[in-house]
Amino acid sequence: MEIRQLEYFLAVVEHNGVNRAAQQLHIAQASLSQSIRQLERELKLTLFHRTGRNLVLNSAGELLVEPARRVLRDVVAVRDIMRGARELQVGSITIGTMPEMSSDAVAAWSASFTRLHPGIRLDLVEHASAAELCEEVSVGNCELGFTTFPAPVDDLAEVDLGVQRLLLVMPPGTTGADPAEPHDLARLEDVPLVVSSSAHRENDFVTTLLGQEAVVPRIVARAPNRHAQLTLVLNGAGSAFLPLRMAAAAARMGAVVVETRPVLRTPFGIVYRDGGLNPAAQSFVIESGATLNRWNELIAGFQQEGLSLLEATLRADDELHARKRA
């Protein structure tokens, strides 16, 4: 199905016939009729009752009208955003993150935007908590904020980007853990853990789930940030729960990475002041969502082929890097 076919369909509806619609669109009547027939073939439904030279919407056609209008409105909105982003050739966007959201992941999601808009600088700023991040967005110090949900304030608009998976990352050479099998949280009673001292929301979430499994976490080290946390794990200090993208990077460095049972996941997305985004920031939101969707679709496809979540993530990363090089 093409956007043009929906435009032609709505033109016929709004101008009460093919003849006037063709005149309005400045195309031949035969071309318009052919496009409508092609749309019907693709949908495997007739959309109009044909009475002589007249076309009258049938019940299936009536169902298509509002979705078609919505699609065209969205297309116009995207075009306007892209036009505004092209007009804004220089400048900067301040983007807030929090300890629970890896700045590395946000940087990866930003890559396609920076390639499209090399004149716009991205300033990534990490804040101590979701509350502090949302406050900085509310007062305008950050245009966008990547945060786990629910957001602790009510006056911000939200874009849901999906869920952040946490995997258990163990030091290289760890025995007794099978990467092909989920690791029961109930077995973590004697596993030394390294946590990020600033990721309060995540620590509370993990502690709650461990409590449901009657496990009291044995914390052997607290790190100031994700990178220090990973460094401690790679050097054998203990294990840690890390986001999927960072866990995949750890696996490439020799760490033993396993999924957990039950699964650890938290919803996340972008917050911003409602109505306060400039065209570049709007484009950034769209590009980030598109990049994440491509990544998630690749992972899901590889999982359908029988790969584990970690294996699928590594394959997805390799394929995306190959596409960038190409």
Protein backbone atom coordinates (compact mmCIF):
# COMPACT_ATOMS: atom_id res chain seq x y z
CA MET A 1 0.00 0.00 0.00
CA GLU A 2 1.30 3.44 -0.94
CA ILE A 3 0.57 6.86 0.54
CA ARG A 4 -0.57 8.02 -2.90
CA GLN A 5 -3.28 5.34 -2.98
CA LEU A 6 -4.72 6.62 0.31
CA GLU A 7 -4.60 10.19 -1.02
CA TYR A 8 -6.51 9.12 -4.13
CA PHE A 9 -9.02 7.12 -2.08
CA LEU A 10 -9.80 10.12 0.16
CA ALA A 11 -10.01 12.43 -2.85
CA VAL A 12 -12.73 10.23 -4.35
CA VAL A 13 -14.59 10.21 -1.03
CA GLU A 14 -14.31 13.95 -0.44
CA HIS A 15 -15.17 14.98 -4.04
CA ASN A 16 -18.01 12.48 -4.40
CA GLY A 17 -16.66 10.72 -7.44
CA VAL A 18 -13.73 9.91 -9.66
CA ASN A 19 -14.25 12.71 -12.19
CA ARG A 20 -14.09 15.65 -9.79
CA ALA A 21 -11.35 13.96 -7.73
CA ALA A 22 -9.22 13.50 -10.85
CA GLN A 23 -9.70 17.16 -11.78
CA GLN A 24 -8.69 18.25 -8.28
CA LEU A 25 -5.60 15.99 -8.33
CA HIS A 26 -4.70 17.01 -11.91
CA ILE A 27 -4.43 13.41 -13.08
CA ALA A 28 -6.26 11.34 -15.68
CA GLN A 29 -9.52 9.76 -14.55
CA ALA A 30 -8.32 6.37 -15.79
CA SER A 31 -5.18 6.61 -13.66
CA LEU A 32 -7.23 7.41 -10.58
CA SER A 33 -9.62 4.52 -11.21
CA GLN A 34 -6.71 2.16 -11.72
CA SER A 35 -5.14 3.24 -8.43
CA ILE A 36 -8.38 2.62 -6.54
CA ARG A 37 -8.72 -0.85 -8.09
CA GLN A 38 -5.10 -1.64 -7.16
CA LEU A 39 -5.77 -0.58 -3.56
CA GLU A 40 -8.80 -2.85 -3.44
CA ARG A 41 -6.76 -5.76 -4.80
CA GLU A 42 -4.10 -5.25 -2.12
CA LEU A 43 -6.70 -5.05 0.63
CA LYS A 44 -8.67 -7.96 -0.89
CA LEU A 45 -11.84 -5.90 -0.37
CA THR A 46 -14.04 -3.68 -2.47
CA LEU A 47 -14.33 -0.18 -1.04
CA PHE A 48 -17.12 1.24 -3.20
CA HIS A 49 -20.45 0.26 -4.67
CA ARG A 50 -20.18 0.93 -8.40
CA THR A 51 -23.40 2.21 -9.93
CA GLY A 52 -22.79 3.28 -13.51
CA ARG A 53 -20.09 5.94 -13.33
CA ASN A 54 -20.67 6.66 -9.67
CA LEU A 55 -18.73 5.29 -6.71
CA VAL A 56 -20.47 5.05 -3.33
CA LEU A 57 -18.63 3.99 -0.20
CA ASN A 58 -19.54 0.56 1.11
CA SER A 59 -19.09 -0.54 4.73
CA ALA A 60 -15.44 -1.56 4.22
CA GLY A 61 -14.69 1.79 2.59
CA GLU A 62 -16.26 3.65 5.49
CA LEU A 63 -13.96 1.80 7.90
CA LEU A 64 -10.91 2.94 5.93
CA VAL A 65 -11.72 6.67 5.83
CA GLU A 66 -10.59 7.71 9.32
CA PRO A 67 -7.43 5.52 9.42
CA ALA A 68 -6.45 6.88 6.00
CA ARG A 69 -6.92 10.46 7.19
CA ARG A 70 -4.86 9.70 10.29
CA VAL A 71 -2.02 8.27 8.21
CA LEU A 72 -1.96 11.31 5.95
CA ARG A 73 -1.99 13.66 8.96
CA ASP A 74 0.98 11.79 10.39
CA VAL A 75 2.81 11.98 7.07
CA VAL A 76 2.25 15.73 6.90
CA ALA A 77 3.46 16.10 10.50
CA VAL A 78 6.62 14.14 9.77
CA ARG A 79 7.30 16.21 6.67
CA ASP A 80 6.88 19.41 8.68
CA ILE A 81 9.27 18.15 11.35
CA MET A 82 11.85 17.12 8.77
CA ARG A 83 11.54 20.46 7.00
CA GLY A 84 12.07 22.30 10.28
CA ALA A 85 15.05 20.12 11.13
CA ARG A 86 16.64 20.88 7.76
CA GLU A 87 16.14 24.56 8.35
CA LEU A 88 17.90 24.29 11.72
CA GLN A 89 21.44 23.60 10.49
CA VAL A 90 23.35 24.50 13.65
CA GLY A 91 22.64 24.49 17.35
CA SER A 92 22.52 22.01 20.22
CA ILE A 93 20.14 19.75 22.10
CA THR A 94 20.67 19.08 25.80
CA ILE A 95 19.63 15.54 26.67
CA GLY A 96 19.40 14.31 30.24
CA THR A 97 19.97 10.73 31.34
CA MET A 98 19.91 9.02 34.73
CA PRO A 99 22.11 6.34 36.32
CA GLU A 100 19.62 3.59 35.43
CA MET A 101 19.80 4.56 31.74
CA SER A 102 23.23 3.91 30.25
CA SER A 103 24.61 7.01 28.53
CA ASP A 104 26.31 4.61 26.10
CA ALA A 105 22.91 3.31 25.02
CA VAL A 106 21.52 6.83 24.58
CA ALA A 107 24.59 7.71 22.51
CA ALA A 108 23.98 4.64 20.32
CA TRP A 109 20.36 5.62 19.77
CA SER A 110 21.54 9.12 18.83
CA ALA A 111 23.94 7.98 16.11
CA SER A 112 21.56 8.20 13.15
CA PHE A 113 20.51 11.70 14.20
CA THR A 114 24.08 12.99 14.32
CA ARG A 115 24.74 11.57 10.86
CA LEU A 116 21.67 13.31 9.47
CA HIS A 117 22.33 16.58 11.31
CA PRO A 118 26.10 16.99 11.75
CA GLY A 119 25.71 20.69 12.52
CA ILE A 120 23.63 20.07 15.63
CA ARG A 121 25.57 19.24 18.81
CA LEU A 122 24.17 16.79 21.35
CA ASP A 123 25.01 17.55 24.99
CA LEU A 124 24.42 14.46 27.18
CA VAL A 125 24.11 15.22 30.90
CA GLU A 126 23.65 12.55 33.58
CA HIS A 127 21.52 13.45 36.60
CA ALA A 128 21.49 11.76 39.97
CA SER A 129 17.89 10.54 39.84
CA ALA A 130 14.72 10.43 37.78
CA ALA A 131 13.28 13.20 39.96
CA GLU A 132 16.26 15.48 39.33
CA LEU A 133 16.20 14.68 35.61
CA CYS A 134 12.50 15.48 35.28
CA GLU A 135 12.94 18.69 37.24
CA GLU A 136 15.71 19.79 34.85
CA VAL A 137 13.42 19.06 31.89
CA SER A 138 10.50 20.88 33.55
CA VAL A 139 12.50 24.09 34.06
CA GLY A 140 14.01 23.97 30.58
CA ASN A 141 17.63 23.09 31.39
CA CYS A 142 17.21 19.88 29.37
CA GLU A 143 15.04 19.65 26.27
CA LEU A 144 14.73 15.87 26.49
CA GLY A 145 15.20 13.31 29.22
CA PHE A 146 15.70 9.55 28.97
CA THR A 147 14.19 7.93 32.04
CA THR A 148 12.61 4.77 33.34
CA PHE A 149 8.87 4.97 33.95
CA PRO A 150 6.77 5.95 35.76
CA ALA A 151 8.09 9.50 35.64
CA PRO A 152 7.97 11.15 39.09
CA VAL A 153 6.24 14.30 37.78
CA ASP A 154 2.91 14.79 36.03
CA ASP A 155 3.53 17.91 33.93
CA LEU A 156 5.74 16.34 31.23
CA ALA A 157 4.82 14.69 27.95
CA GLU A 158 6.10 11.13 27.50
CA VAL A 159 7.23 8.98 24.58
CA ASP A 160 7.19 5.28 25.42
CA LEU A 161 10.24 3.57 23.84
CA GLY A 162 9.76 0.07 25.24
CA VAL A 163 11.35 -1.87 28.09
CA GLN A 164 14.89 -2.02 29.36
CA ARG A 165 16.00 -5.59 30.05
CA LEU A 166 18.49 -6.25 32.85
CA LEU A 167 20.73 -9.31 32.52
CA LEU A 168 23.00 -10.86 35.12
CA VAL A 169 26.63 -10.22 34.17
CA MET A 170 29.22 -12.43 35.89
CA PRO A 171 33.02 -12.26 35.88
CA PRO A 172 34.92 -14.04 33.08
CA GLY A 173 35.47 -17.69 33.87
CA THR A 174 32.46 -18.00 36.19
CA THR A 175 31.40 -21.64 36.45
CA GLY A 176 28.03 -23.10 37.30
CA ALA A 177 26.06 -20.64 35.12
CA ASP A 178 24.67 -21.85 31.79
CA PRO A 179 24.20 -18.92 29.34
CA ALA A 180 21.61 -21.03 27.53
CA GLU A 181 19.38 -21.29 30.62
CA PRO A 182 17.76 -18.49 32.68
CA HIS A 183 19.36 -18.09 36.11
CA ASP A 184 16.82 -18.33 38.92
CA LEU A 185 16.90 -15.26 41.15
CA ALA A 186 16.29 -17.60 44.07
CA ARG A 187 19.84 -18.91 43.53
CA LEU A 188 21.45 -15.51 44.14
CA GLU A 189 21.66 -15.84 47.93
CA ASP A 190 25.40 -16.53 47.81
CA VAL A 191 26.29 -14.53 44.66
CA PRO A 192 28.38 -11.42 45.42
CA LEU A 193 26.84 -8.39 43.72
CA VAL A 194 28.26 -5.08 42.55
CA VAL A 195 25.72 -2.26 42.40
CA SER A 196 25.73 1.31 41.17
CA SER A 197 25.44 3.55 44.23
CA SER A 198 23.57 6.19 42.24
CA ALA A 199 20.97 3.91 40.60
CA HIS A 200 18.52 4.09 43.51
CA ARG A 201 15.38 3.30 41.53
CA GLU A 202 16.96 0.24 39.90
CA ASN A 203 18.42 -0.99 43.19
CA ASP A 204 15.00 -0.73 44.85
CA PHE A 205 13.42 -2.60 41.92
CA VAL A 206 15.98 -5.43 42.04
CA THR A 207 15.85 -5.66 45.84
CA THR A 208 12.06 -5.95 45.72
CA LEU A 209 12.18 -8.79 43.18
CA LEU A 210 14.87 -10.59 45.15
CA GLY A 211 12.77 -10.17 48.27
CA GLN A 212 9.88 -11.88 46.50
CA GLU A 213 12.25 -14.81 45.96
CA ALA A 214 13.26 -14.72 49.67
CA VAL A 215 16.79 -13.59 48.74
CA VAL A 216 18.78 -10.99 50.65
CA PRO A 217 21.33 -9.58 48.17
CA ARG A 218 25.00 -9.93 49.20
CA ILE A 219 26.47 -6.61 48.07
CA VAL A 220 30.26 -6.63 48.02
CA ALA A 221 30.91 -3.33 46.22
CA ARG A 222 29.19 -0.08 45.31
CA ALA A 223 30.39 1.73 42.19
CA PRO A 224 29.75 5.38 41.36
CA ASN A 225 28.58 4.66 37.79
CA ARG A 226 27.91 1.96 35.20
CA HIS A 227 31.45 1.88 33.83
CA ALA A 228 33.01 1.39 37.26
CA GLN A 229 30.38 -1.26 37.97
CA LEU A 230 31.30 -3.15 34.80
CA THR A 231 35.04 -2.77 35.48
CA LEU A 232 34.61 -4.37 38.91
CA VAL A 233 32.71 -7.27 37.36
CA LEU A 234 35.30 -7.85 34.64
CA ASN A 235 38.02 -7.91 37.29
CA GLY A 236 36.23 -10.54 39.35
CA ALA A 237 34.82 -8.50 42.23
CA GLY A 238 31.30 -9.79 41.76
CA SER A 239 28.30 -9.92 39.45
CA ALA A 240 25.93 -7.13 38.42
CA PHE A 241 22.59 -6.53 36.75
CA LEU A 242 23.25 -4.46 33.63
CA PRO A 243 21.07 -3.21 30.74
CA LEU A 244 20.96 -5.39 27.63
CA ARG A 245 23.22 -3.24 25.46
CA MET A 246 25.91 -2.98 28.16
CA ALA A 247 25.55 -6.69 28.95
CA ALA A 248 26.23 -7.48 25.29
CA ALA A 249 29.35 -5.32 25.40
CA ALA A 250 30.44 -7.14 28.57
CA ALA A 251 29.98 -10.51 26.84
CA ARG A 252 32.34 -9.37 24.08
CA MET A 253 34.91 -8.65 26.81
CA GLY A 254 34.65 -12.17 28.21
CA ALA A 255 31.97 -11.80 30.89
CA VAL A 256 29.47 -14.59 31.46
CA VAL A 257 26.00 -13.18 30.77
CA VAL A 258 22.73 -14.93 31.60
CA GLU A 259 19.05 -14.09 31.54
CA THR A 260 17.11 -14.33 34.78
CA ARG A 261 13.95 -16.00 35.93
CA PRO A 262 11.79 -14.05 36.60
CA VAL A 263 12.75 -11.52 33.94
CA LEU A 264 14.01 -8.12 35.07
CA ARG A 265 12.55 -5.37 32.92
CA THR A 266 11.55 -1.75 33.37
CA PRO A 267 9.62 0.51 30.97
CA PHE A 268 11.50 3.56 29.72
CA GLY A 269 11.20 6.44 27.31
CA ILE A 270 11.64 10.15 26.75
CA VAL A 271 10.09 13.02 28.70
CA TYR A 272 9.81 16.62 27.50
CA ARG A 273 7.82 19.78 28.13
CA ASP A 274 4.56 19.48 26.25
CA GLY A 275 4.61 21.86 23.27
CA GLY A 276 8.15 22.98 24.00
CA LEU A 277 10.22 21.04 21.43
CA ASN A 278 12.03 22.73 18.59
CA PRO A 279 12.16 20.93 15.20
CA ALA A 280 15.60 19.44 15.87
CA ALA A 281 14.48 17.95 19.19
CA GLN A 282 11.33 16.58 17.55
CA SER A 283 13.51 14.97 14.89
CA PHE A 284 15.74 13.52 17.58
CA VAL A 285 12.75 11.84 19.25
CA ILE A 286 11.67 10.33 15.93
CA GLU A 287 15.17 9.16 15.02
CA SER A 288 15.77 7.62 18.45
CA GLY A 289 12.50 5.70 18.25
CA ALA A 290 13.27 4.50 14.73
CA THR A 291 16.78 3.35 15.70
CA LEU A 292 15.43 1.44 18.69
CA ASN A 293 12.71 -0.15 16.58
CA ARG A 294 15.24 -1.36 14.01
CA TRP A 295 17.38 -2.84 16.77
CA ASN A 296 14.44 -4.53 18.50
CA GLU A 297 13.07 -5.90 15.23
CA LEU A 298 16.44 -7.45 14.39
CA ILE A 299 16.69 -8.99 17.86
CA ALA A 300 13.16 -10.40 17.63
CA GLY A 301 13.90 -11.84 14.18
CA PHE A 302 17.06 -13.59 15.35
CA GLN A 303 15.25 -14.94 18.41
CA GLN A 304 12.64 -16.45 16.11
CA GLU A 305 15.52 -18.30 14.44
CA GLY A 306 16.28 -19.90 17.80
CA LEU A 307 18.98 -17.61 19.21
CA SER A 308 18.99 -16.55 22.85
CA LEU A 309 18.36 -12.91 23.74
CA LEU A 310 22.10 -12.26 24.17
CA GLU A 311 23.06 -14.05 20.95
CA ALA A 312 20.33 -12.20 19.05
CA THR A 313 21.52 -8.87 20.47
CA LEU A 314 25.13 -9.52 19.43
CA ARG A 315 23.98 -10.48 15.92
CA ALA A 316 21.76 -7.38 15.71
CA ASP A 317 24.64 -5.13 16.75
CA ASP A 318 26.96 -6.73 14.19
CA GLU A 319 24.39 -6.28 11.42
CA LEU A 320 23.73 -2.64 12.29
CA HIS A 321 27.47 -1.90 12.38
CA ALA A 322 27.85 -3.60 8.99
CA ARG A 323 25.08 -1.45 7.55
CA LYS A 324 26.74 1.71 8.87
CA ARG A 325 30.07 0.74 7.29
CA ALA A 326 28.31 0.01 4.01
